[in-house]
N, C-alpha and C. Protein backbone atom coordinates (compact mmCIF):
# COMPACT_ATOMS: atom_id res chain seq x y z
N MET A 1 16.62 11.12 10.81
CA MET A 1 16.26 10.09 11.78
C MET A 1 17.13 10.26 13.04
N PRO A 2 16.53 10.22 14.22
CA PRO A 2 17.32 10.41 15.45
C PRO A 2 18.36 9.31 15.63
N GLY A 3 19.42 9.63 16.37
CA GLY A 3 20.40 8.64 16.75
C GLY A 3 20.01 7.94 18.04
N SER A 4 20.86 7.04 18.51
CA SER A 4 20.50 6.19 19.65
C SER A 4 20.30 6.98 20.93
N GLY A 5 20.87 8.18 21.04
CA GLY A 5 20.69 8.98 22.25
C GLY A 5 19.27 9.41 22.48
N ASP A 6 18.44 9.40 21.41
CA ASP A 6 17.04 9.81 21.52
C ASP A 6 16.09 8.62 21.51
N ALA A 7 16.62 7.43 21.69
CA ALA A 7 15.81 6.23 21.56
C ALA A 7 14.94 6.00 22.79
N PRO A 8 13.64 5.69 22.58
CA PRO A 8 12.81 5.28 23.72
C PRO A 8 13.16 3.85 24.12
N LEU A 9 13.19 3.58 25.41
CA LEU A 9 13.52 2.24 25.88
C LEU A 9 12.25 1.40 25.91
N SER A 10 11.81 0.97 24.72
CA SER A 10 10.59 0.18 24.60
C SER A 10 10.78 -0.88 23.53
N ASN A 11 9.76 -1.69 23.30
CA ASN A 11 9.87 -2.79 22.36
C ASN A 11 10.03 -2.28 20.93
N CYS A 12 10.81 -3.02 20.17
CA CYS A 12 11.08 -2.62 18.80
C CYS A 12 11.45 -3.83 17.96
N ILE A 13 11.52 -3.62 16.66
CA ILE A 13 12.19 -4.53 15.75
C ILE A 13 13.38 -3.76 15.19
N ALA A 14 14.56 -4.37 15.24
CA ALA A 14 15.76 -3.74 14.69
C ALA A 14 16.06 -4.36 13.34
N PHE A 15 16.16 -3.50 12.33
CA PHE A 15 16.44 -3.94 10.96
C PHE A 15 17.87 -3.56 10.59
N GLU A 16 18.49 -4.38 9.77
CA GLU A 16 19.81 -4.02 9.27
C GLU A 16 19.74 -2.69 8.53
N LYS A 17 20.71 -1.81 8.79
CA LYS A 17 20.82 -0.53 8.08
C LYS A 17 21.81 -0.71 6.93
N TYR A 18 21.34 -0.48 5.72
CA TYR A 18 22.15 -0.72 4.54
C TYR A 18 22.88 0.55 4.11
N ASP A 19 24.11 0.38 3.69
CA ASP A 19 24.96 1.51 3.33
C ASP A 19 24.79 1.80 1.84
N GLY A 20 23.72 2.51 1.51
CA GLY A 20 23.43 2.81 0.11
C GLY A 20 22.81 4.18 -0.05
N THR A 21 21.96 4.30 -1.06
CA THR A 21 21.25 5.54 -1.35
C THR A 21 19.76 5.30 -1.27
N ASN A 22 19.04 6.16 -0.55
CA ASN A 22 17.60 6.03 -0.38
C ASN A 22 16.88 6.49 -1.65
N ILE A 23 16.10 5.59 -2.24
CA ILE A 23 15.29 5.89 -3.42
C ILE A 23 13.84 5.54 -3.11
N HIS A 24 12.90 6.47 -3.35
CA HIS A 24 11.49 6.18 -3.10
C HIS A 24 10.73 6.02 -4.42
N TRP A 25 9.62 5.28 -4.34
CA TRP A 25 8.78 4.96 -5.49
C TRP A 25 7.32 5.17 -5.08
N VAL A 26 6.56 5.87 -5.91
CA VAL A 26 5.19 6.26 -5.53
C VAL A 26 4.19 5.48 -6.38
N TRP A 27 3.21 4.89 -5.68
CA TRP A 27 2.22 4.00 -6.32
C TRP A 27 0.82 4.46 -5.95
N GLU A 28 -0.06 4.39 -6.91
CA GLU A 28 -1.48 4.69 -6.71
C GLU A 28 -2.28 3.64 -7.46
N PRO A 29 -3.35 3.11 -6.89
CA PRO A 29 -4.05 1.98 -7.51
C PRO A 29 -4.45 2.19 -8.96
N MET A 30 -4.88 3.38 -9.31
CA MET A 30 -5.34 3.62 -10.69
C MET A 30 -4.18 3.94 -11.63
N LEU A 31 -3.09 4.47 -11.11
CA LEU A 31 -1.98 4.89 -11.96
C LEU A 31 -0.81 3.93 -11.95
N GLY A 32 -0.71 3.10 -10.94
CA GLY A 32 0.47 2.26 -10.78
C GLY A 32 1.64 3.09 -10.28
N TRP A 33 2.84 2.71 -10.70
CA TRP A 33 4.06 3.42 -10.31
C TRP A 33 4.23 4.62 -11.23
N TYR A 34 4.23 5.82 -10.68
CA TYR A 34 4.22 6.99 -11.56
C TYR A 34 5.27 8.04 -11.24
N THR A 35 5.85 8.08 -10.03
CA THR A 35 6.96 8.99 -9.76
C THR A 35 7.97 8.28 -8.87
N PHE A 36 9.17 8.85 -8.80
CA PHE A 36 10.25 8.28 -7.98
C PHE A 36 11.29 9.36 -7.74
N GLY A 37 12.25 9.08 -6.86
CA GLY A 37 13.32 10.03 -6.62
C GLY A 37 14.11 9.70 -5.39
N THR A 38 15.01 10.60 -5.02
CA THR A 38 15.80 10.46 -3.81
C THR A 38 15.03 11.10 -2.65
N ARG A 39 15.70 11.31 -1.53
CA ARG A 39 15.04 11.96 -0.39
C ARG A 39 14.61 13.39 -0.72
N ARG A 40 15.35 14.04 -1.61
CA ARG A 40 15.17 15.48 -1.81
C ARG A 40 14.52 15.86 -3.13
N ASP A 41 14.18 14.89 -3.99
CA ASP A 41 13.58 15.27 -5.27
C ASP A 41 12.64 14.17 -5.77
N ARG A 42 11.93 14.48 -6.84
CA ARG A 42 10.98 13.53 -7.41
C ARG A 42 10.90 13.74 -8.92
N PHE A 43 10.80 12.64 -9.65
CA PHE A 43 10.75 12.66 -11.11
C PHE A 43 9.61 11.75 -11.58
N ASP A 44 9.07 12.04 -12.77
CA ASP A 44 8.09 11.13 -13.37
C ASP A 44 8.79 9.82 -13.73
N LEU A 45 8.10 8.71 -13.48
CA LEU A 45 8.67 7.41 -13.80
C LEU A 45 8.30 7.06 -15.25
N ASP A 46 8.86 7.82 -16.17
CA ASP A 46 8.70 7.57 -17.61
C ASP A 46 10.05 7.85 -18.27
N ALA A 47 10.12 7.69 -19.58
CA ALA A 47 11.40 7.81 -20.27
C ALA A 47 12.05 9.16 -20.02
N LYS A 48 11.29 10.24 -20.11
CA LYS A 48 11.84 11.58 -19.90
C LYS A 48 12.31 11.76 -18.45
N GLY A 49 11.49 11.33 -17.51
CA GLY A 49 11.85 11.47 -16.10
C GLY A 49 13.08 10.67 -15.73
N ILE A 50 13.23 9.48 -16.31
CA ILE A 50 14.40 8.65 -16.01
C ILE A 50 15.68 9.31 -16.54
N VAL A 51 15.60 9.89 -17.74
CA VAL A 51 16.76 10.61 -18.27
C VAL A 51 17.13 11.78 -17.36
N GLU A 52 16.13 12.52 -16.90
CA GLU A 52 16.38 13.65 -16.00
C GLU A 52 16.99 13.19 -14.68
N PHE A 53 16.48 12.09 -14.14
CA PHE A 53 17.02 11.54 -12.89
C PHE A 53 18.47 11.12 -13.08
N ASP A 54 18.76 10.39 -14.17
CA ASP A 54 20.13 9.92 -14.41
C ASP A 54 21.10 11.09 -14.53
N SER A 55 20.65 12.16 -15.17
CA SER A 55 21.50 13.34 -15.32
C SER A 55 21.77 14.01 -13.98
N ALA A 56 20.75 14.03 -13.12
CA ALA A 56 20.88 14.68 -11.81
C ALA A 56 21.65 13.83 -10.81
N HIS A 57 21.68 12.50 -11.02
CA HIS A 57 22.26 11.59 -10.02
C HIS A 57 23.20 10.57 -10.66
N PRO A 58 24.36 11.00 -11.10
CA PRO A 58 25.34 10.04 -11.65
C PRO A 58 25.67 8.96 -10.62
N GLY A 59 25.72 7.73 -11.09
CA GLY A 59 26.00 6.61 -10.20
C GLY A 59 24.77 5.85 -9.76
N LEU A 60 23.58 6.44 -9.99
CA LEU A 60 22.34 5.78 -9.60
C LEU A 60 21.55 5.27 -10.80
N GLU A 61 22.16 5.29 -11.98
CA GLU A 61 21.42 5.00 -13.20
C GLU A 61 20.77 3.62 -13.23
N ASP A 62 21.36 2.66 -12.52
CA ASP A 62 20.82 1.29 -12.57
C ASP A 62 19.52 1.12 -11.80
N CYS A 63 19.19 2.06 -10.94
CA CYS A 63 18.09 1.80 -10.00
C CYS A 63 16.75 1.63 -10.70
N THR A 64 16.48 2.39 -11.76
CA THR A 64 15.16 2.27 -12.40
C THR A 64 15.00 0.94 -13.11
N ASP A 65 16.05 0.47 -13.79
CA ASP A 65 15.97 -0.85 -14.44
C ASP A 65 15.74 -1.94 -13.41
N ILE A 66 16.47 -1.87 -12.30
CA ILE A 66 16.30 -2.88 -11.26
C ILE A 66 14.87 -2.86 -10.73
N PHE A 67 14.37 -1.66 -10.46
CA PHE A 67 13.01 -1.57 -9.92
C PHE A 67 11.97 -2.08 -10.92
N LEU A 68 12.02 -1.60 -12.14
CA LEU A 68 11.00 -1.95 -13.12
C LEU A 68 11.07 -3.43 -13.51
N ASN A 69 12.26 -4.01 -13.49
CA ASN A 69 12.42 -5.40 -13.94
C ASN A 69 12.27 -6.43 -12.83
N THR A 70 12.44 -6.01 -11.57
CA THR A 70 12.42 -7.01 -10.49
C THR A 70 11.42 -6.72 -9.38
N LEU A 71 11.09 -5.45 -9.13
CA LEU A 71 10.27 -5.13 -7.96
C LEU A 71 8.88 -4.60 -8.30
N ALA A 72 8.74 -3.86 -9.39
CA ALA A 72 7.48 -3.16 -9.65
C ALA A 72 6.29 -4.11 -9.69
N GLU A 73 6.40 -5.18 -10.42
CA GLU A 73 5.25 -6.09 -10.57
C GLU A 73 4.91 -6.83 -9.29
N PRO A 74 5.88 -7.50 -8.62
CA PRO A 74 5.52 -8.18 -7.37
C PRO A 74 5.05 -7.22 -6.27
N LEU A 75 5.61 -6.00 -6.23
CA LEU A 75 5.15 -5.02 -5.25
C LEU A 75 3.72 -4.61 -5.53
N SER A 76 3.39 -4.37 -6.80
CA SER A 76 2.02 -4.00 -7.16
C SER A 76 1.04 -5.09 -6.75
N ALA A 77 1.43 -6.34 -6.96
CA ALA A 77 0.55 -7.45 -6.60
C ALA A 77 0.29 -7.48 -5.10
N VAL A 78 1.32 -7.26 -4.31
CA VAL A 78 1.15 -7.26 -2.85
C VAL A 78 0.30 -6.08 -2.41
N LEU A 79 0.58 -4.89 -2.92
CA LEU A 79 -0.17 -3.71 -2.51
C LEU A 79 -1.63 -3.80 -2.92
N SER A 80 -1.90 -4.36 -4.09
CA SER A 80 -3.28 -4.51 -4.56
C SER A 80 -4.05 -5.49 -3.70
N ARG A 81 -3.35 -6.49 -3.18
CA ARG A 81 -4.00 -7.52 -2.37
C ARG A 81 -4.36 -7.01 -0.98
N LEU A 82 -3.64 -6.01 -0.49
CA LEU A 82 -3.89 -5.47 0.84
C LEU A 82 -4.97 -4.41 0.75
N LYS A 83 -6.20 -4.77 1.04
CA LYS A 83 -7.36 -3.95 0.68
C LYS A 83 -7.38 -2.58 1.34
N PHE A 84 -6.81 -2.42 2.53
CA PHE A 84 -6.90 -1.11 3.17
C PHE A 84 -6.07 -0.05 2.45
N TYR A 85 -5.26 -0.47 1.46
CA TYR A 85 -4.49 0.49 0.67
C TYR A 85 -5.25 1.00 -0.55
N ASP A 86 -6.44 0.48 -0.83
CA ASP A 86 -7.06 0.69 -2.13
C ASP A 86 -7.20 2.14 -2.55
N SER A 87 -7.45 3.06 -1.62
CA SER A 87 -7.73 4.44 -2.01
C SER A 87 -6.57 5.38 -1.69
N GLU A 88 -5.39 4.83 -1.33
CA GLU A 88 -4.30 5.68 -0.87
C GLU A 88 -3.11 5.65 -1.82
N GLU A 89 -2.46 6.81 -1.95
CA GLU A 89 -1.14 6.85 -2.56
C GLU A 89 -0.16 6.27 -1.57
N LEU A 90 0.73 5.41 -2.06
CA LEU A 90 1.72 4.78 -1.21
C LEU A 90 3.12 5.16 -1.67
N ILE A 91 4.01 5.31 -0.71
CA ILE A 91 5.41 5.57 -1.02
C ILE A 91 6.24 4.41 -0.47
N VAL A 92 6.95 3.74 -1.35
CA VAL A 92 7.83 2.65 -0.95
C VAL A 92 9.26 3.17 -0.97
N PHE A 93 9.95 3.03 0.16
CA PHE A 93 11.33 3.48 0.28
C PHE A 93 12.26 2.29 0.15
N THR A 94 13.28 2.45 -0.69
CA THR A 94 14.25 1.38 -0.90
C THR A 94 15.66 1.92 -0.69
N GLU A 95 16.57 1.00 -0.44
CA GLU A 95 17.99 1.35 -0.40
C GLU A 95 18.66 0.72 -1.62
N PHE A 96 19.37 1.54 -2.37
CA PHE A 96 20.07 1.12 -3.58
C PHE A 96 21.55 0.94 -3.23
N LEU A 97 22.09 -0.25 -3.49
CA LEU A 97 23.47 -0.51 -3.08
C LEU A 97 24.08 -1.68 -3.83
N GLY A 98 25.39 -1.75 -3.79
CA GLY A 98 26.17 -2.90 -4.23
C GLY A 98 27.05 -3.37 -3.10
N ASP A 99 27.82 -4.41 -3.33
CA ASP A 99 28.63 -4.98 -2.25
C ASP A 99 29.69 -4.01 -1.73
N ASN A 100 30.13 -3.07 -2.57
CA ASN A 100 31.18 -2.15 -2.16
C ASN A 100 30.69 -0.72 -2.00
N SER A 101 29.39 -0.52 -1.90
CA SER A 101 28.86 0.82 -1.66
C SER A 101 29.30 1.31 -0.28
N PHE A 102 29.58 2.62 -0.19
CA PHE A 102 30.03 3.18 1.08
C PHE A 102 29.67 4.66 1.13
N ALA A 103 28.95 5.05 2.19
CA ALA A 103 28.61 6.45 2.45
C ALA A 103 27.98 7.12 1.23
N GLY A 104 27.07 6.38 0.57
CA GLY A 104 26.33 6.95 -0.56
C GLY A 104 27.06 6.91 -1.89
N LYS A 105 28.26 6.33 -1.93
CA LYS A 105 29.01 6.19 -3.17
C LYS A 105 28.98 4.73 -3.63
N HIS A 106 28.91 4.54 -4.95
CA HIS A 106 28.75 3.20 -5.50
C HIS A 106 29.80 2.93 -6.56
N LYS A 107 30.27 1.68 -6.62
CA LYS A 107 31.24 1.29 -7.64
C LYS A 107 30.49 0.83 -8.89
N SER A 108 30.89 1.36 -10.03
CA SER A 108 30.19 1.05 -11.28
C SER A 108 30.26 -0.44 -11.62
N SER A 109 31.31 -1.12 -11.19
CA SER A 109 31.47 -2.54 -11.52
C SER A 109 30.63 -3.47 -10.66
N ASP A 110 30.08 -2.96 -9.56
CA ASP A 110 29.27 -3.79 -8.66
C ASP A 110 27.91 -4.13 -9.28
N VAL A 111 27.42 -5.32 -8.98
CA VAL A 111 26.02 -5.65 -9.24
C VAL A 111 25.20 -4.98 -8.15
N LYS A 112 24.21 -4.19 -8.54
CA LYS A 112 23.42 -3.43 -7.57
C LYS A 112 22.12 -4.16 -7.26
N ARG A 113 21.49 -3.74 -6.15
CA ARG A 113 20.19 -4.28 -5.77
C ARG A 113 19.41 -3.21 -5.04
N LEU A 114 18.10 -3.45 -4.88
CA LEU A 114 17.23 -2.59 -4.10
C LEU A 114 16.67 -3.39 -2.93
N VAL A 115 16.74 -2.83 -1.74
CA VAL A 115 16.16 -3.45 -0.55
C VAL A 115 15.06 -2.53 -0.03
N ILE A 116 13.88 -3.07 0.18
CA ILE A 116 12.75 -2.28 0.69
C ILE A 116 12.95 -2.03 2.18
N ILE A 117 12.90 -0.73 2.57
CA ILE A 117 13.16 -0.40 3.98
C ILE A 117 11.96 0.23 4.69
N ASP A 118 10.99 0.77 3.94
CA ASP A 118 9.82 1.41 4.56
C ASP A 118 8.68 1.48 3.57
N LEU A 119 7.47 1.61 4.11
CA LEU A 119 6.27 1.85 3.31
C LEU A 119 5.43 2.88 4.04
N GLN A 120 5.10 3.96 3.33
CA GLN A 120 4.35 5.06 3.94
C GLN A 120 3.00 5.23 3.27
N THR A 121 1.94 5.28 4.09
CA THR A 121 0.59 5.54 3.62
C THR A 121 0.21 6.97 3.98
N ALA A 122 -1.02 7.35 3.66
CA ALA A 122 -1.47 8.70 4.00
C ALA A 122 -1.46 8.94 5.50
N SER A 123 -1.57 7.89 6.30
CA SER A 123 -1.61 8.03 7.75
C SER A 123 -0.26 7.84 8.43
N GLY A 124 0.78 7.55 7.67
CA GLY A 124 2.09 7.41 8.26
C GLY A 124 2.78 6.13 7.82
N PHE A 125 3.91 5.85 8.45
CA PHE A 125 4.67 4.66 8.11
C PHE A 125 3.97 3.40 8.60
N LEU A 126 4.10 2.35 7.82
CA LEU A 126 3.58 1.05 8.23
C LEU A 126 4.30 0.59 9.49
N SER A 127 3.56 0.00 10.41
CA SER A 127 4.18 -0.47 11.65
C SER A 127 5.23 -1.53 11.32
N PRO A 128 6.25 -1.67 12.17
CA PRO A 128 7.29 -2.67 11.87
C PRO A 128 6.73 -4.08 11.78
N GLU A 129 5.75 -4.43 12.62
CA GLU A 129 5.16 -5.77 12.54
C GLU A 129 4.45 -5.98 11.20
N ARG A 130 3.67 -5.00 10.77
CA ARG A 130 2.97 -5.13 9.49
C ARG A 130 3.95 -5.13 8.34
N PHE A 131 5.00 -4.32 8.45
CA PHE A 131 6.02 -4.30 7.40
C PHE A 131 6.60 -5.70 7.20
N VAL A 132 6.98 -6.34 8.30
CA VAL A 132 7.56 -7.68 8.21
C VAL A 132 6.54 -8.69 7.68
N ASN A 133 5.33 -8.64 8.19
CA ASN A 133 4.33 -9.64 7.82
C ASN A 133 3.75 -9.42 6.42
N ASP A 134 3.40 -8.18 6.10
CA ASP A 134 2.73 -7.91 4.82
C ASP A 134 3.66 -8.01 3.62
N LEU A 135 4.95 -7.70 3.83
CA LEU A 135 5.89 -7.68 2.71
C LEU A 135 6.89 -8.82 2.77
N ALA A 136 6.54 -9.88 3.49
CA ALA A 136 7.49 -10.97 3.74
C ALA A 136 8.01 -11.60 2.46
N GLU A 137 7.22 -11.62 1.39
CA GLU A 137 7.64 -12.29 0.16
C GLU A 137 8.55 -11.42 -0.71
N LEU A 138 8.80 -10.20 -0.29
CA LEU A 138 9.59 -9.25 -1.06
C LEU A 138 10.97 -9.05 -0.42
N PRO A 139 11.93 -8.47 -1.15
CA PRO A 139 13.27 -8.24 -0.58
C PRO A 139 13.29 -7.06 0.38
N ILE A 140 12.90 -7.32 1.62
CA ILE A 140 12.84 -6.26 2.64
C ILE A 140 14.07 -6.32 3.53
N ALA A 141 14.28 -5.24 4.29
CA ALA A 141 15.41 -5.18 5.22
C ALA A 141 15.35 -6.35 6.20
N ARG A 142 16.51 -6.88 6.51
CA ARG A 142 16.60 -8.04 7.40
C ARG A 142 16.37 -7.62 8.85
N ALA A 143 15.44 -8.29 9.51
CA ALA A 143 15.21 -8.06 10.94
C ALA A 143 16.24 -8.86 11.72
N VAL A 144 17.01 -8.16 12.58
CA VAL A 144 18.08 -8.83 13.31
C VAL A 144 17.78 -8.96 14.80
N TYR A 145 16.70 -8.30 15.28
CA TYR A 145 16.41 -8.33 16.72
C TYR A 145 14.97 -7.93 16.94
N ARG A 146 14.32 -8.61 17.88
CA ARG A 146 12.99 -8.23 18.37
C ARG A 146 13.05 -8.22 19.88
N GLY A 147 12.61 -7.13 20.48
CA GLY A 147 12.62 -7.04 21.93
C GLY A 147 12.76 -5.61 22.39
N LYS A 148 13.09 -5.45 23.65
CA LYS A 148 13.20 -4.11 24.22
C LYS A 148 14.51 -3.45 23.76
N LEU A 149 14.40 -2.18 23.41
CA LEU A 149 15.59 -1.40 23.06
C LEU A 149 16.26 -0.97 24.37
N THR A 150 17.43 -1.53 24.63
CA THR A 150 18.14 -1.27 25.88
C THR A 150 19.55 -0.76 25.58
N GLY A 151 20.20 -0.25 26.60
CA GLY A 151 21.58 0.17 26.45
C GLY A 151 22.49 -0.99 26.07
N LYS A 152 22.21 -2.18 26.62
CA LYS A 152 23.03 -3.35 26.29
C LYS A 152 22.88 -3.70 24.82
N PHE A 153 21.64 -3.64 24.31
CA PHE A 153 21.44 -3.94 22.89
C PHE A 153 22.22 -2.95 22.03
N ALA A 154 22.12 -1.67 22.36
CA ALA A 154 22.84 -0.65 21.58
C ALA A 154 24.34 -0.92 21.61
N GLU A 155 24.86 -1.29 22.77
CA GLU A 155 26.30 -1.57 22.87
C GLU A 155 26.67 -2.80 22.05
N ASP A 156 25.81 -3.83 22.07
CA ASP A 156 26.07 -5.03 21.28
C ASP A 156 26.12 -4.70 19.79
N VAL A 157 25.23 -3.81 19.33
CA VAL A 157 25.27 -3.39 17.93
C VAL A 157 26.60 -2.71 17.64
N ARG A 158 26.98 -1.78 18.51
CA ARG A 158 28.22 -1.02 18.28
C ARG A 158 29.45 -1.93 18.25
N MET A 159 29.41 -3.00 19.02
CA MET A 159 30.54 -3.92 19.09
C MET A 159 30.53 -4.95 17.97
N GLY A 160 29.52 -4.90 17.09
CA GLY A 160 29.48 -5.79 15.93
C GLY A 160 28.94 -7.17 16.19
N ARG A 161 28.08 -7.30 17.21
CA ARG A 161 27.61 -8.63 17.59
C ARG A 161 26.35 -9.07 16.85
N PHE A 162 25.89 -8.27 15.90
CA PHE A 162 24.69 -8.64 15.14
C PHE A 162 24.98 -8.85 13.65
N GLY A 163 26.21 -8.88 13.26
CA GLY A 163 26.57 -9.19 11.89
C GLY A 163 26.10 -8.17 10.88
N VAL A 164 26.10 -6.89 11.26
CA VAL A 164 25.72 -5.82 10.34
C VAL A 164 26.94 -4.93 10.11
N ALA A 165 27.08 -4.43 8.89
CA ALA A 165 28.25 -3.62 8.56
C ALA A 165 28.11 -2.19 9.05
N GLU A 166 26.98 -1.54 8.71
CA GLU A 166 26.81 -0.14 9.10
C GLU A 166 26.14 0.00 10.46
N GLY A 167 25.07 -0.76 10.68
CA GLY A 167 24.34 -0.66 11.94
C GLY A 167 22.93 -1.15 11.77
N VAL A 168 22.03 -0.61 12.61
CA VAL A 168 20.62 -1.03 12.57
C VAL A 168 19.72 0.20 12.64
N VAL A 169 18.49 0.01 12.19
CA VAL A 169 17.42 0.97 12.41
C VAL A 169 16.38 0.28 13.28
N CYS A 170 16.14 0.84 14.47
CA CYS A 170 15.15 0.28 15.39
C CYS A 170 13.83 0.99 15.18
N LYS A 171 12.74 0.21 15.08
CA LYS A 171 11.41 0.78 14.84
C LYS A 171 10.42 0.20 15.84
N GLY A 172 9.60 1.09 16.40
CA GLY A 172 8.55 0.67 17.31
C GLY A 172 7.35 1.58 17.16
N GLU A 173 6.35 1.38 18.01
CA GLU A 173 5.13 2.19 17.94
C GLU A 173 4.85 2.84 19.29
N ALA A 174 4.39 4.08 19.23
CA ALA A 174 3.96 4.80 20.43
C ALA A 174 2.81 5.71 20.05
N GLN A 175 1.67 5.56 20.73
CA GLN A 175 0.48 6.38 20.49
C GLN A 175 0.07 6.35 19.01
N GLY A 176 0.15 5.16 18.43
CA GLY A 176 -0.31 4.97 17.06
C GLY A 176 0.65 5.45 15.99
N LYS A 177 1.82 5.92 16.37
CA LYS A 177 2.81 6.41 15.41
C LYS A 177 4.08 5.56 15.49
N VAL A 178 4.73 5.43 14.35
CA VAL A 178 5.98 4.67 14.30
C VAL A 178 7.15 5.59 14.64
N TRP A 179 8.01 5.15 15.56
CA TRP A 179 9.26 5.87 15.83
C TRP A 179 10.43 5.06 15.29
N MET A 180 11.50 5.75 14.95
CA MET A 180 12.69 5.11 14.40
C MET A 180 13.93 5.77 14.99
N VAL A 181 14.93 4.96 15.28
CA VAL A 181 16.24 5.47 15.66
C VAL A 181 17.31 4.58 15.02
N LYS A 182 18.47 5.16 14.78
CA LYS A 182 19.55 4.39 14.18
C LYS A 182 20.70 4.22 15.16
N ILE A 183 21.35 3.07 15.09
CA ILE A 183 22.53 2.77 15.89
C ILE A 183 23.57 2.21 14.94
N LYS A 184 24.76 2.80 14.92
CA LYS A 184 25.80 2.35 14.00
C LYS A 184 26.94 1.67 14.75
N THR A 185 27.69 0.87 14.01
CA THR A 185 28.76 0.10 14.63
C THR A 185 30.03 0.93 14.79
N ASN A 186 30.84 0.55 15.75
CA ASN A 186 32.13 1.20 15.94
C ASN A 186 33.04 1.00 14.72
N ALA A 187 32.93 -0.17 14.09
CA ALA A 187 33.73 -0.43 12.90
C ALA A 187 33.38 0.54 11.77
N TYR A 188 32.09 0.85 11.65
CA TYR A 188 31.68 1.81 10.62
C TYR A 188 32.20 3.21 10.96
N MET A 189 32.21 3.54 12.23
CA MET A 189 32.76 4.84 12.65
C MET A 189 34.22 4.96 12.22
N LEU A 190 35.00 3.90 12.40
CA LEU A 190 36.41 3.94 12.01
C LEU A 190 36.55 4.12 10.51
N ARG A 191 35.70 3.45 9.74
CA ARG A 191 35.74 3.63 8.28
C ARG A 191 35.45 5.08 7.90
N LEU A 192 34.47 5.68 8.57
CA LEU A 192 34.14 7.07 8.29
C LEU A 192 35.30 8.00 8.63
N LYS A 193 35.93 7.77 9.76
CA LYS A 193 37.05 8.62 10.16
C LYS A 193 38.21 8.51 9.18
N GLU A 194 38.45 7.28 8.69
CA GLU A 194 39.53 7.10 7.71
C GLU A 194 39.20 7.78 6.39
N ALA A 195 37.93 7.75 5.99
CA ALA A 195 37.54 8.28 4.69
C ALA A 195 37.33 9.79 4.69
N PHE A 196 36.81 10.33 5.81
CA PHE A 196 36.37 11.73 5.81
C PHE A 196 37.06 12.61 6.85
N ALA A 197 37.94 12.03 7.65
CA ALA A 197 38.70 12.80 8.65
C ALA A 197 37.75 13.63 9.53
N ASP A 198 37.93 14.95 9.58
CA ASP A 198 37.15 15.79 10.47
C ASP A 198 35.67 15.87 10.10
N ARG A 199 35.31 15.42 8.90
CA ARG A 199 33.91 15.49 8.45
C ARG A 199 33.14 14.20 8.74
N TRP A 200 33.73 13.25 9.47
CA TRP A 200 33.11 11.95 9.61
C TRP A 200 31.73 12.01 10.28
N GLU A 201 31.53 12.98 11.18
CA GLU A 201 30.25 13.05 11.90
C GLU A 201 29.09 13.41 10.98
N GLU A 202 29.35 13.97 9.81
CA GLU A 202 28.29 14.26 8.86
C GLU A 202 27.61 12.98 8.38
N TYR A 203 28.29 11.85 8.50
CA TYR A 203 27.77 10.57 8.03
C TYR A 203 27.40 9.64 9.19
N TRP A 204 27.47 10.16 10.41
CA TRP A 204 27.23 9.35 11.59
C TRP A 204 25.75 9.44 11.97
N GLU A 205 25.43 9.19 13.23
CA GLU A 205 24.03 9.13 13.67
C GLU A 205 23.44 10.55 13.78
């Protein structure tokens, strides 16, 4: 995802950016939830696939229980109700995190949760307005700003004026496609520098 230097100066919704691990879940009307994984892999959402996922991703073992016990059923109900999805495979992107998660690392003692951050259809990502409106009853990313993406807004995010720990993801539409850019806080930059020294930019924008 581009950083703020590539941001178009146009209207957007800015969502809180959560400091966790991106996990996606794949749904099809006839099959239900049938695969899942991180950004770089995919596993069958069955007993064998979950064991394989847990082995490949230590520290993420709680995510499948959380999804199956709290999100799968209400998400299915919402997706089934939205008729234009009926013939499409959908990918729901979530962020997996606990209160002390940092830079993709999680504390085993934390209570974890999943926050829905995106929904992708065959034609692309759901627009930010539809994301907010269609999934309002579900645990989606918090919208912290609506309006034009400006240099002042970006600076306000960096200075911590929106009550977000890591930063925001700004989403808008241009020519029928959704664009996204991320802006992180100066406080998060300092945490990265303390934790990773010369490698801190690997975790930045």
